[in-house]
C-alpha atoms as a PDB file:
ATOM      1  CA  MET A   1     -88.534-112.383 -51.533  1.00  0.00           C
ATOM      2  CA  ARG A   2     -89.982-113.366 -48.070  1.00  0.00           C
ATOM      3  CA  ASN A   3     -86.455-114.699 -47.019  1.00  0.00           C
ATOM      4  CA  LEU A   4     -84.803-111.539 -48.110  1.00  0.00           C
ATOM      5  CA  PHE A   5     -87.291-109.306 -46.194  1.00  0.00           C
ATOM      6  CA  SER A   6     -86.970-111.328 -43.264  1.00  0.00           C
ATOM      7  CA  THR A   7     -83.058-111.048 -43.455  1.00  0.00           C
ATOM      8  CA  ARG A   8     -83.312-107.216 -43.477  1.00  0.00           C
ATOM      9  CA  VAL A   9     -85.645-106.990 -40.804  1.00  0.00           C
ATOM     10  CA  LYS A  10     -83.380-109.137 -38.654  1.00  0.00           C
ATOM     11  CA  ILE A  11     -80.304-106.941 -39.538  1.00  0.00           C
ATOM     12  CA  ILE A  12     -82.284-103.931 -38.400  1.00  0.00           C
ATOM     13  CA  LEU A  13     -83.355-105.416 -35.234  1.00  0.00           C
ATOM     14  CA  VAL A  14     -79.521-106.603 -34.620  1.00  0.00           C
ATOM     15  CA  ILE A  15     -78.304-102.963 -35.141  1.00  0.00           C
ATOM     16  CA  ALA A  16     -80.989-101.405 -33.165  1.00  0.00           C
ATOM     17  CA  ALA A  17     -80.358-103.840 -30.297  1.00  0.00           C
ATOM     18  CA  LEU A  18     -76.527-103.228 -30.642  1.00  0.00           C
ATOM     19  CA  LEU A  19     -77.106 -99.329 -30.612  1.00  0.00           C
ATOM     20  CA  SER A  20     -79.459 -99.595 -27.669  1.00  0.00           C
ATOM     21  CA  ALA A  21     -76.896-101.649 -25.687  1.00  0.00           C
ATOM     22  CA  GLY A  22     -74.131 -99.155 -26.818  1.00  0.00           C
ATOM     23  CA  LEU A  23     -76.185 -96.363 -25.571  1.00  0.00           C
ATOM     24  CA  ALA A  24     -77.070 -98.042 -22.410  1.00  0.00           C
ATOM     25  CA  ILE A  25     -73.519 -98.669 -21.696  1.00  0.00           C
ATOM     26  CA  LEU A  26     -72.317 -95.104 -22.545  1.00  0.00           C
ATOM     27  CA  SER A  27     -75.172 -93.829 -20.463  1.00  0.00           C
ATOM     28  CA  GLY A  28     -74.099 -95.691 -17.597  1.00  0.00           C
ATOM     29  CA  VAL A  29     -70.236 -94.777 -17.956  1.00  0.00           C
ATOM     30  CA  THR A  30     -71.181 -91.071 -18.400  1.00  0.00           C
ATOM     31  CA  ASN A  31     -73.954 -90.824 -16.197  1.00  0.00           C
ATOM     32  CA  THR A  32     -76.012 -89.264 -19.005  1.00  0.00           C
ATOM     33  CA  THR A  33     -79.349 -90.377 -20.229  1.00  0.00           C
ATOM     34  CA  VAL A  34     -79.925 -92.098 -23.565  1.00  0.00           C
ATOM     35  CA  VAL A  35     -82.141 -89.124 -24.776  1.00  0.00           C
ATOM     36  CA  ASP A  36     -79.305 -86.766 -23.748  1.00  0.00           C
ATOM     37  CA  LEU A  37     -76.924 -88.672 -25.709  1.00  0.00           C
ATOM     38  CA  VAL A  38     -79.104 -88.687 -28.778  1.00  0.00           C
ATOM     39  CA  VAL A  39     -79.744 -84.826 -28.400  1.00  0.00           C
ATOM     40  CA  GLN A  40     -75.983 -84.195 -28.060  1.00  0.00           C
ATOM     41  CA  GLY A  41     -75.439 -86.419 -31.329  1.00  0.00           C
ATOM     42  CA  LEU A  42     -77.862 -84.483 -33.289  1.00  0.00           C
ATOM     43  CA  LEU A  43     -76.597 -81.029 -32.038  1.00  0.00           C
ATOM     44  CA  ALA A  44     -72.923 -81.764 -32.448  1.00  0.00           C
ATOM     45  CA  PRO A  45     -72.687 -80.568 -36.015  1.00  0.00           C
ATOM     46  CA  PHE A  46     -74.537 -77.250 -34.999  1.00  0.00           C
ATOM     47  CA  LYS A  47     -72.201 -76.774 -32.273  1.00  0.00           C
ATOM     48  CA  ALA A  48     -69.350 -77.112 -34.726  1.00  0.00           C
ATOM     49  CA  ALA A  49     -70.573 -74.581 -36.961  1.00  0.00           C
ATOM     50  CA  GLY A  50     -71.368 -72.264 -34.055  1.00  0.00           C
ATOM     51  CA  THR A  51     -67.856 -72.739 -32.867  1.00  0.00           C
ATOM     52  CA  ALA A  52     -66.463 -71.788 -36.520  1.00  0.00           C
ATOM     53  CA  LEU A  53     -68.651 -68.619 -36.700  1.00  0.00           C
ATOM     54  CA  THR A  54     -67.628 -67.696 -33.245  1.00  0.00           C
ATOM     55  CA  THR A  55     -63.828 -68.079 -34.005  1.00  0.00           C
ATOM     56  CA  THR A  56     -64.075 -66.263 -37.417  1.00  0.00           C
ATOM     57  CA  ALA A  57     -66.134 -63.232 -35.664  1.00  0.00           C
ATOM     58  CA  GLU A  58     -63.357 -63.215 -32.946  1.00  0.00           C
ATOM     59  CA  LYS A  59     -60.713 -63.165 -35.746  1.00  0.00           C
ATOM     60  CA  TYR A  60     -62.582 -60.340 -37.702  1.00  0.00           C
ATOM     61  CA  TYR A  61     -63.098 -58.324 -34.711  1.00  0.00           C
ATOM     62  CA  GLY A  62     -59.308 -58.672 -33.828  1.00  0.00           C
ATOM     63  CA  TYR A  63     -58.512 -57.663 -37.326  1.00  0.00           C
ATOM     64  CA  MET A  64     -60.855 -54.602 -37.255  1.00  0.00           C
ATOM     65  CA  PHE A  65     -59.269 -53.451 -33.780  1.00  0.00           C
ATOM     66  CA  ARG A  66     -55.721 -53.940 -35.358  1.00  0.00           C
ATOM     67  CA  TYR A  67     -56.699 -51.995 -38.445  1.00  0.00           C
ATOM     68  CA  GLU A  68     -57.914 -48.983 -36.357  1.00  0.00           C
ATOM     69  CA  ALA A  69     -54.984 -48.799 -34.167  1.00  0.00           C
ATOM     70  CA  LEU A  70     -52.802 -49.115 -37.396  1.00  0.00           C
ATOM     71  CA  ALA A  71     -54.562 -46.381 -39.182  1.00  0.00           C
ATOM     72  CA  ALA A  72     -54.516 -44.247 -35.948  1.00  0.00           C
ATOM     73  CA  GLU A  73     -50.693 -44.717 -35.757  1.00  0.00           C
ATOM     74  CA  ASN A  74     -50.362 -44.041 -39.274  1.00  0.00           C
ATOM     75  CA  GLU A  75     -52.177 -40.859 -38.955  1.00  0.00           C
ATOM     76  CA  VAL A  76     -49.737 -39.752 -36.061  1.00  0.00           C
ATOM     77  CA  LEU A  77     -46.725 -40.696 -38.187  1.00  0.00           C
ATOM     78  CA  GLU A  78     -48.039 -38.805 -41.231  1.00  0.00           C
ATOM     79  CA  GLU A  79     -48.621 -35.716 -38.960  1.00  0.00           C
ATOM     80  CA  ARG A  80     -44.985 -36.090 -37.623  1.00  0.00           C
ATOM     81  CA  ILE A  81     -43.533 -36.476 -41.032  1.00  0.00           C
ATOM     82  CA  ALA A  82     -45.402 -33.441 -42.222  1.00  0.00           C
ATOM     83  CA  GLN A  83     -43.952 -31.384 -39.207  1.00  0.00           C
ATOM     84  CA  MET A  84     -40.547 -32.524 -39.948  1.00  0.00           C
ATOM     85  CA  GLU A  85     -40.812 -31.650 -43.599  1.00  0.00           C
ATOM     86  CA  ASP A  86     -42.146 -28.155 -42.733  1.00  0.00           C
ATOM     87  CA  VAL A  87     -39.166 -27.765 -40.236  1.00  0.00           C
ATOM     88  CA  ALA A  88     -36.722 -28.824 -43.043  1.00  0.00           C
ATOM     89  CA  ARG A  89     -38.246 -26.409 -45.589  1.00  0.00           C
ATOM     90  CA  GLN A  90     -37.859 -23.528 -43.183  1.00  0.00           C
ATOM     91  CA  ALA A  91     -34.219 -24.619 -42.195  1.00  0.00           C
ATOM     92  CA  ASP A  92     -33.634 -24.650 -46.033  1.00  0.00           C
ATOM     93  CA  ALA A  93     -35.223 -20.971 -46.553  1.00  0.00           C
ATOM     94  CA  VAL A  94     -33.260 -19.700 -43.545  1.00  0.00           C
ATOM     95  CA  SER A  95     -30.048 -21.300 -44.906  1.00  0.00           C
ATOM     96  CA  ARG A  96     -30.664 -19.757 -48.474  1.00  0.00           C
ATOM     97  CA  GLU A  97     -31.391 -16.329 -46.886  1.00  0.00           C
ATOM     98  CA  ASN A  98     -28.181 -16.467 -44.894  1.00  0.00           C
ATOM     99  CA  GLN A  99     -26.337 -17.311 -47.819  1.00  0.00           C
ATOM    100  CA  ARG A 100     -27.894 -14.414 -49.785  1.00  0.00           C
ATOM    101  CA  LEU A 101     -27.083 -12.058 -46.940  1.00  0.00           C
ATOM    102  CA  ARG A 102     -23.544 -13.081 -46.555  1.00  0.00           C
ATOM    103  CA  ASP A 103     -23.191 -12.445 -50.354  1.00  0.00           C
ATOM    104  CA  TYR A 104     -24.768  -9.094 -50.125  1.00  0.00           C
ATOM    105  CA  LEU A 105     -22.533  -8.214 -47.159  1.00  0.00           C
ATOM    106  CA  ASN A 106     -19.395  -9.231 -49.537  1.00  0.00           C
ATOM    107  CA  LEU A 107     -20.971  -7.045 -52.365  1.00  0.00           C
ATOM    108  CA  THR A 108     -21.457  -3.943 -49.969  1.00  0.00           C
ATOM    109  CA  ALA A 109     -18.140  -4.366 -48.620  1.00  0.00           C
ATOM    110  CA  THR A 110     -16.484  -3.853 -52.089  1.00  0.00           C
ATOM    111  CA  ASN A 111     -19.206  -1.037 -52.703  1.00  0.00           C
ATOM    112  CA  GLU A 112     -19.520   0.836 -49.474  1.00  0.00           C
ATOM    113  CA  ASP A 113     -21.633   3.637 -51.020  1.00  0.00           C
ATOM    114  CA  TYR A 114     -24.407   1.228 -51.610  1.00  0.00           C
ATOM    115  CA  LYS A 115     -27.511   1.664 -49.468  1.00  0.00           C
ATOM    116  CA  SER A 116     -30.323  -0.737 -49.926  1.00  0.00           C
ATOM    117  CA  VAL A 117     -33.597  -2.368 -48.888  1.00  0.00           C
ATOM    118  CA  ASP A 118     -34.170  -6.242 -49.192  1.00  0.00           C
ATOM    119  CA  ALA A 119     -37.580  -7.425 -50.245  1.00  0.00           C
ATOM    120  CA  TYR A 120     -39.072 -10.611 -50.972  1.00  0.00           C
ATOM    121  CA  ILE A 121     -41.068 -11.528 -54.377  1.00  0.00           C
ATOM    122  CA  ILE A 122     -44.511 -12.057 -53.878  1.00  0.00           C
ATOM    123  CA  GLY A 123     -45.977 -12.131 -57.543  1.00  0.00           C
ATOM    124  CA  TRP A 124     -44.776 -12.666 -61.058  1.00  0.00           C
ATOM    125  CA  SER A 125     -46.162 -11.309 -64.271  1.00  0.00           C
ATOM    126  CA  SER A 126     -44.753 -12.506 -67.822  1.00  0.00           C
ATOM    127  CA  THR A 127     -45.987 -12.150 -71.318  1.00  0.00           C
ATOM    128  CA  ASP A 128     -44.068 -12.280 -74.619  1.00  0.00           C
ATOM    129  CA  TRP A 129     -43.109  -8.747 -74.256  1.00  0.00           C
ATOM    130  CA  GLU A 130     -43.635  -7.929 -70.675  1.00  0.00           C
ATOM    131  CA  ASN A 131     -41.799  -9.381 -67.548  1.00  0.00           C
ATOM    132  CA  THR A 132     -42.397  -7.962 -64.030  1.00  0.00           C
ATOM    133  CA  LEU A 133     -42.469  -9.087 -60.481  1.00  0.00           C
ATOM    134  CA  THR A 134     -44.047  -7.665 -57.315  1.00  0.00           C
ATOM    135  CA  ILE A 135     -41.995  -7.490 -54.173  1.00  0.00           C
ATOM    136  CA  ASN A 136     -43.239  -6.595 -50.474  1.00  0.00           C
ATOM    137  CA  ARG A 137     -41.647  -3.430 -49.877  1.00  0.00           C
ATOM    138  CA  GLY A 138     -42.736   0.066 -50.941  1.00  0.00           C
ATOM    139  CA  THR A 139     -42.595   3.629 -49.926  1.00  0.00           C
ATOM    140  CA  ASN A 140     -42.743   2.969 -46.266  1.00  0.00           C
ATOM    141  CA  ALA A 141     -39.356   1.215 -46.641  1.00  0.00           C
ATOM    142  CA  GLY A 142     -37.876   4.174 -48.889  1.00  0.00           C
ATOM    143  CA  ILE A 143     -38.360   2.485 -52.081  1.00  0.00           C
ATOM    144  CA  GLN A 144     -39.243   4.871 -55.084  1.00  0.00           C
ATOM    145  CA  GLU A 145     -39.560   4.496 -58.841  1.00  0.00           C
ATOM    146  CA  ASN A 146     -36.537   4.273 -61.034  1.00  0.00           C
ATOM    147  CA  MET A 147     -34.543   2.517 -58.417  1.00  0.00           C
ATOM    148  CA  CYS A 148     -32.130  -0.470 -59.501  1.00  0.00           C
ATOM    149  CA  ALA A 149     -33.030  -4.056 -58.290  1.00  0.00           C
ATOM    150  CA  ILE A 150     -30.212  -6.523 -57.903  1.00  0.00           C
ATOM    151  CA  THR A 151     -29.379  -9.859 -56.554  1.00  0.00           C
ATOM    152  CA  ALA A 152     -27.058 -10.538 -53.437  1.00  0.00           C
ATOM    153  CA  ASN A 153     -24.247 -11.028 -55.773  1.00  0.00           C
ATOM    154  CA  GLY A 154     -24.613  -7.712 -57.750  1.00  0.00           C
ATOM    155  CA  GLU A 155     -26.665  -9.034 -60.734  1.00  0.00           C
ATOM    156  CA  VAL A 156     -29.152  -6.712 -62.398  1.00  0.00           C
ATOM    157  CA  VAL A 157     -32.680  -7.794 -61.852  1.00  0.00           C
ATOM    158  CA  GLY A 158     -34.415  -4.728 -63.120  1.00  0.00           C
ATOM    159  CA  LEU A 159     -35.797  -1.366 -62.413  1.00  0.00           C
ATOM    160  CA  VAL A 160     -38.710  -0.275 -60.031  1.00  0.00           C
ATOM    161  CA  THR A 161     -41.413   1.237 -62.179  1.00  0.00           C
ATOM    162  CA  ALA A 162     -44.511   1.348 -59.775  1.00  0.00           C
ATOM    163  CA  VAL A 163     -44.741   1.715 -56.079  1.00  0.00           C
ATOM    164  CA  GLY A 164     -47.335   1.468 -53.346  1.00  0.00           C
ATOM    165  CA  THR A 165     -47.134   1.779 -49.537  1.00  0.00           C
ATOM    166  CA  ASN A 166     -46.175  -1.717 -48.880  1.00  0.00           C
ATOM    167  CA  TRP A 167     -45.331  -3.030 -52.472  1.00  0.00           C
ATOM    168  CA  ALA A 168     -43.426  -2.265 -55.492  1.00  0.00           C
ATOM    169  CA  GLU A 169     -43.263  -3.672 -59.002  1.00  0.00           C
ATOM    170  CA  VAL A 170     -39.912  -4.340 -60.651  1.00  0.00           C
ATOM    171  CA  THR A 171     -39.767  -4.362 -64.396  1.00  0.00           C
ATOM    172  CA  THR A 172     -37.041  -6.935 -64.998  1.00  0.00           C
ATOM    173  CA  VAL A 173     -34.279  -6.956 -67.680  1.00  0.00           C
ATOM    174  CA  LEU A 174     -36.211  -9.654 -69.702  1.00  0.00           C
ATOM    175  CA  ASP A 175     -38.760  -7.180 -70.423  1.00  0.00           C
ATOM    176  CA  SER A 176     -38.652  -5.605 -73.930  1.00  0.00           C
ATOM    177  CA  THR A 177     -39.366  -1.905 -72.639  1.00  0.00           C
ATOM    178  CA  LEU A 178     -36.277  -1.897 -70.452  1.00  0.00           C
ATOM    179  CA  GLU A 179     -32.977  -0.557 -72.015  1.00  0.00           C
ATOM    180  CA  ILE A 180     -29.864  -0.533 -70.128  1.00  0.00           C
ATOM    181  CA  SER A 181     -26.428   0.854 -71.164  1.00  0.00           C
ATOM    182  CA  GLY A 182     -24.014  -1.881 -71.000  1.00  0.00           C
ATOM    183  CA  THR A 183     -20.218  -2.628 -71.603  1.00  0.00           C
ATOM    184  CA  ILE A 184     -18.323  -5.794 -72.480  1.00  0.00           C
ATOM    185  CA  SER A 185     -15.891  -6.156 -69.709  1.00  0.00           C
ATOM    186  CA  THR A 186     -12.948  -7.395 -71.590  1.00  0.00           C
ATOM    187  CA  SER A 187     -12.964  -4.788 -74.358  1.00  0.00           C
ATOM    188  CA  GLY A 188     -14.891  -1.886 -73.212  1.00  0.00           C
ATOM    189  CA  TYR A 189     -17.252  -1.899 -76.167  1.00  0.00           C
ATOM    190  CA  ASN A 190     -20.605  -0.296 -75.523  1.00  0.00           C
ATOM    191  CA  GLY A 191     -24.169  -0.968 -76.517  1.00  0.00           C
ATOM    192  CA  MET A 192     -27.836  -1.235 -75.231  1.00  0.00           C
ATOM    193  CA  VAL A 193     -29.106  -4.427 -73.633  1.00  0.00           C
ATOM    194  CA  ARG A 194     -32.641  -5.268 -74.009  1.00  0.00           C
ATOM    195  CA  GLY A 195     -34.787  -8.231 -73.348  1.00  0.00           C
ATOM    196  CA  GLY A 196     -37.777  -9.744 -75.375  1.00  0.00           C
ATOM    197  CA  TYR A 197     -36.017 -10.116 -78.534  1.00  0.00           C
ATOM    198  CA  ILE A 198     -35.578 -13.821 -79.177  1.00  0.00           C
ATOM    199  CA  SER A 199     -38.824 -15.443 -79.959  1.00  0.00           C
ATOM    200  CA  ASP A 200     -37.713 -18.970 -79.388  1.00  0.00           C
ATOM    201  CA  ASN A 201     -35.820 -18.169 -76.111  1.00  0.00           C
ATOM    202  CA  GLN A 202     -37.530 -15.422 -74.009  1.00  0.00           C
ATOM    203  CA  THR A 203     -34.776 -15.851 -71.273  1.00  0.00           C
ATOM    204  CA  LEU A 204     -32.089 -14.189 -73.483  1.00  0.00           C
ATOM    205  CA  LEU A 205     -31.099 -10.595 -73.762  1.00  0.00           C
ATOM    206  CA  GLN A 206     -29.690  -8.818 -76.919  1.00  0.00           C
ATOM    207  CA  MET A 207     -26.935  -6.220 -76.877  1.00  0.00           C
ATOM    208  CA  ASN A 208     -27.187  -3.857 -79.765  1.00  0.00           C
ATOM    209  CA  TYR A 209     -25.145  -0.989 -81.607  1.00  0.00           C
ATOM    210  CA  LEU A 210     -21.722  -2.818 -81.110  1.00  0.00           C
ATOM    211  CA  PRO A 211     -18.901  -1.780 -83.683  1.00  0.00           C
ATOM    212  CA  SER A 212     -18.871  -4.031 -86.623  1.00  0.00           C
ATOM    213  CA  SER A 213     -15.057  -4.568 -86.022  1.00  0.00           C
ATOM    214  CA  ALA A 214     -15.699  -5.612 -82.454  1.00  0.00           C
ATOM    215  CA  ILE A 215     -14.127  -8.977 -81.369  1.00  0.00           C
ATOM    216  CA  ILE A 216     -16.734 -10.718 -79.048  1.00  0.00           C
ATOM    217  CA  ARG A 217     -15.934 -13.695 -77.037  1.00  0.00           C
ATOM    218  CA  ASN A 218     -17.831 -16.485 -75.785  1.00  0.00           C
ATOM    219  CA  GLN A 219     -18.914 -15.873 -72.057  1.00  0.00           C
ATOM    220  CA  ASP A 220     -17.579 -12.314 -72.150  1.00  0.00           C
ATOM    221  CA  GLN A 221     -19.141 -10.507 -69.168  1.00  0.00           C
ATOM    222  CA  VAL A 222     -21.532  -7.569 -69.850  1.00  0.00           C
ATOM    223  CA  VAL A 223     -21.915  -4.946 -67.020  1.00  0.00           C
ATOM    224  CA  THR A 224     -23.736  -1.660 -66.659  1.00  0.00           C
ATOM    225  CA  SER A 225     -21.887   1.291 -67.829  1.00  0.00           C
ATOM    226  CA  GLY A 226     -23.151   3.340 -64.836  1.00  0.00           C
ATOM    227  CA  SER A 227     -25.665   6.139 -64.797  1.00  0.00           C
ATOM    228  CA  THR A 228     -28.008   8.069 -62.507  1.00  0.00           C
ATOM    229  CA  VAL A 229     -30.162   5.041 -62.398  1.00  0.00           C
ATOM    230  CA  TYR A 230     -27.840   1.948 -62.550  1.00  0.00           C
ATOM    231  CA  PRO A 231     -24.686   1.787 -60.520  1.00  0.00           C
ATOM    232  CA  ARG A 232     -21.526   1.110 -62.570  1.00  0.00           C
ATOM    233  CA  GLY A 233     -20.145  -2.443 -62.893  1.00  0.00           C
ATOM    234  CA  LEU A 234     -23.342  -4.482 -62.210  1.00  0.00           C
ATOM    235  CA  ILE A 235     -23.283  -7.622 -63.948  1.00  0.00           C
ATOM    236  CA  MET A 236     -26.156  -8.119 -66.559  1.00  0.00           C
ATOM    237  CA  GLY A 237     -25.181 -11.352 -68.323  1.00  0.00           C
ATOM    238  CA  TYR A 238     -22.639 -13.403 -70.458  1.00  0.00           C
ATOM    239  CA  VAL A 239     -22.272 -13.422 -74.119  1.00  0.00           C
ATOM    240  CA  VAL A 240     -23.461 -16.830 -75.698  1.00  0.00           C
ATOM    241  CA  ASP A 241     -23.553 -15.884 -79.506  1.00  0.00           C
ATOM    242  CA  ALA A 242     -23.028 -12.857 -81.753  1.00  0.00           C
ATOM    243  CA  GLY A 243     -23.687 -11.643 -85.279  1.00  0.00           C
ATOM    244  CA  PHE A 244     -24.159  -8.559 -87.351  1.00  0.00           C
ATOM    245  CA  GLU A 245     -27.378  -6.507 -87.313  1.00  0.00           C
ATOM    246  CA  ASP A 246     -29.604  -6.150 -90.625  1.00  0.00           C
ATOM    247  CA  THR A 247     -27.965  -2.987 -91.547  1.00  0.00           C
ATOM    248  CA  GLY A 248     -24.419  -4.652 -91.384  1.00  0.00           C
ATOM    249  CA  VAL A 249     -22.809  -1.359 -89.873  1.00  0.00           C
ATOM    250  CA  ALA A 250     -22.921  -2.842 -86.343  1.00  0.00           C
ATOM    251  CA  LYS A 251     -23.044  -6.169 -84.381  1.00  0.00           C
ATOM    252  CA  PHE A 252     -25.072  -7.503 -81.759  1.00  0.00           C
ATOM    253  CA  ALA A 253     -24.508 -10.136 -78.998  1.00  0.00           C
ATOM    254  CA  LEU A 254     -26.925 -12.464 -77.346  1.00  0.00           C
ATOM    255  CA  LEU A 255     -26.558 -12.654 -73.518  1.00  0.00           C
ATOM    256  CA  ASP A 256     -27.469 -15.242 -70.836  1.00  0.00           C
ATOM    257  CA  PRO A 257     -28.748 -13.078 -67.788  1.00  0.00           C
ATOM    258  CA  ALA A 258     -26.668 -13.199 -64.936  1.00  0.00           C
ATOM    259  CA  ALA A 259     -29.634 -13.157 -62.533  1.00  0.00           C
ATOM    260  CA  ASP A 260     -32.040 -16.305 -62.747  1.00  0.00           C
ATOM    261  CA  ILE A 261     -35.257 -14.304 -62.792  1.00  0.00           C
ATOM    262  CA  ASN A 262     -37.519 -17.134 -62.479  1.00  0.00           C
ATOM    263  CA  ALA A 263     -35.765 -18.545 -59.521  1.00  0.00           C
ATOM    264  CA  LEU A 264     -35.455 -15.579 -57.345  1.00  0.00           C
ATOM    265  CA  GLU A 265     -36.777 -15.451 -53.897  1.00  0.00           C
ATOM    266  CA  GLN A 266     -35.248 -12.231 -52.434  1.00  0.00           C
ATOM    267  CA  ILE A 267     -33.843  -9.050 -54.206  1.00  0.00           C
ATOM    268  CA  PHE A 268     -32.055  -5.912 -53.022  1.00  0.00           C
ATOM    269  CA  ILE A 269     -33.197  -2.349 -54.038  1.00  0.00           C
ATOM    270  CA  ILE A 270     -30.426   0.016 -54.311  1.00  0.00           C
ATOM    271  CA  THR A 271     -31.885   3.298 -52.599  1.00  0.00           C
ATOM    272  CA  GLU A 272     -28.734   5.307 -52.820  1.00  0.00           C
ATOM    273  CA  TYR A 273     -25.276   5.211 -54.330  1.00  0.00           C
ATOM    274  CA  THR A 274     -22.376   7.511 -55.175  1.00  0.00           C
ATOM    275  CA  THR A 275     -22.879   8.259 -58.949  1.00  0.00           C
ATOM    276  CA  ASP A 276     -19.710   7.266 -60.696  1.00  0.00           C
ATOM    277  CA  VAL A 277     -20.228   8.175 -64.509  1.00  0.00           C
ATOM    278  CA  VAL A 278     -17.119   8.391 -66.701  1.00  0.00           C
ATOM    279  CA  GLN A 279     -17.716   9.949 -70.273  1.00  0.00           C
ATOM    280  CA  SER A 280     -16.825   8.061 -73.428  1.00  0.00           C
ATOM    281  CA  THR A 281     -13.140   9.156 -74.516  1.00  0.00           C
ATOM    282  CA  PRO A 282     -12.040   9.494 -78.093  1.00  0.00           C
ATOM    283  CA  ASP A 283      -9.732   6.526 -77.711  1.00  0.00           C
ATOM    284  CA  ALA A 284     -12.696   4.118 -77.111  1.00  0.00           C
ATOM    285  CA  THR A 285     -13.714   2.042 -79.925  1.00  0.00           C
ATOM    286  CA  THR A 286     -17.597   2.189 -79.661  1.00  0.00           C
ATOM    287  CA  ALA A 287     -20.733   2.329 -81.948  1.00  0.00           C
ATOM    288  CA  THR A 288     -23.022   5.191 -81.780  1.00  0.00           C
ATOM    289  CA  THR A 289     -25.625   4.217 -79.379  1.00  0.00           C
ATOM    290  CA  PRO A 290     -28.877   5.669 -78.159  1.00  0.00           C
ATOM    291  CA  GLY A 291     -29.424   6.794 -74.576  1.00  0.00           C
ATOM    292  CA  GLU A 292     -30.375   4.315 -71.923  1.00  0.00           C
ATOM    293  CA  THR A 293     -34.192   4.144 -71.444  1.00  0.00           C
ATOM    294  CA  THR A 294     -36.722   3.256 -68.824  1.00  0.00           C
ATOM    295  CA  PRO A 295     -40.507   3.468 -69.023  1.00  0.00           C
ATOM    296  CA  ASP A 296     -40.237   6.887 -67.618  1.00  0.00           C
ATOM    297  CA  GLN A 297     -36.848   8.417 -68.373  1.00  0.00           C
ATOM    298  CA  THR A 298     -33.728   8.679 -70.665  1.00  0.00           C
ATOM    299  CA  THR A 299     -29.991   8.950 -69.681  1.00  0.00           C
ATOM    300  CA  ALA A 300     -26.840   8.970 -71.434  1.00  0.00           C
ATOM    301  CA  PRO A 301     -24.670   5.912 -71.881  1.00  0.00           C
ATOM    302  CA  THR A 302     -21.330   5.779 -70.281  1.00  0.00           C
ATOM    303  CA  VAL A 303     -18.211   3.558 -70.135  1.00  0.00           C
ATOM    304  CA  PRO A 304     -17.190   1.472 -67.034  1.00  0.00           C
ATOM    305  CA  ALA A 305     -13.891   0.187 -65.996  1.00  0.00           C
ATOM    306  CA  GLU A 306     -12.910  -3.034 -67.747  1.00  0.00           C
ATOM    307  CA  THR A 307     -12.535  -6.681 -66.402  1.00  0.00           C
ATOM    308  CA  THR A 308     -10.717  -9.261 -67.924  1.00  0.00           C
ATOM    309  CA  VAL A 309     -12.637 -12.334 -68.908  1.00  0.00           C
ATOM    310  CA  PRO A 310     -10.626 -14.194 -71.698  1.00  0.00           C
ATOM    311  CA  ASN A 311     -12.579 -16.880 -73.688  1.00  0.00           C
ATOM    312  CA  THR A 312     -13.095 -18.083 -77.257  1.00  0.00           C
ATOM    313  CA  ASN A 313     -14.442 -15.758 -79.881  1.00  0.00           C
ATOM    314  CA  VAL A 314     -17.959 -15.859 -81.183  1.00  0.00           C
ATOM    315  CA  GLY A 315     -18.109 -12.691 -83.264  1.00  0.00           C
END
């Protein structure tokens, strides 16, 4: 045990002597004291840790700086995109308006007696039985009640039923309270067209009081018969189905409205036109129909000129 202890002591002394000699030599070479070398050795791990922390902090700061720069750039780009989208929407709106005006110029070229006021739709109201829209023109633009509203293509939208100074309400053809005297262009059969009939499809119209012997074809065009309220020959819709009424003495036809009421942006109110009313003749095959009705007045049905639109029979 004594010999082992003596050996350990000797080893420790030898190591200490070697370290002392090494430190002395290193001190002489680097001109640094032994104490400084010892201190530097002890502080080396802490310096490494500090360097690592500094490097990490610098990287984090650089990341945050780049993030803020990217966020600011992204905000600028989003603003530019929003501006470009707004310009594109405005261009689309102007393009649609120009197309509507071109279509209406073509319509008025064919019907030179039409005088009208254009208006934009600013509100809609729709229930199971009523369908109205509000426009941004009123009495200050010459609009009065019982004036006809149409699209740029001459498709019936409805009738003005209420007017203010700078607004007006239009009851559309989909409203069940509005009845319009119509004629099937291909055959001249007369009937009354009304909305709000079809419970499972409120967008269809129904034409009643057609003769039981009437041949009704799919996609037959139905136009206004002409009266003191509706000019003659305005397009109301196209036949999609037909059948017999409950009495069995007359037929009816279901119509797809020519005007897409729910997609309208701009309409035209006919303020003046030359009345062209042609009374029914004994040779015309028609069913007995009631008068054309609006919420405020009643007028007699009439017969318009015929337009040939051949297609397959549906009734």
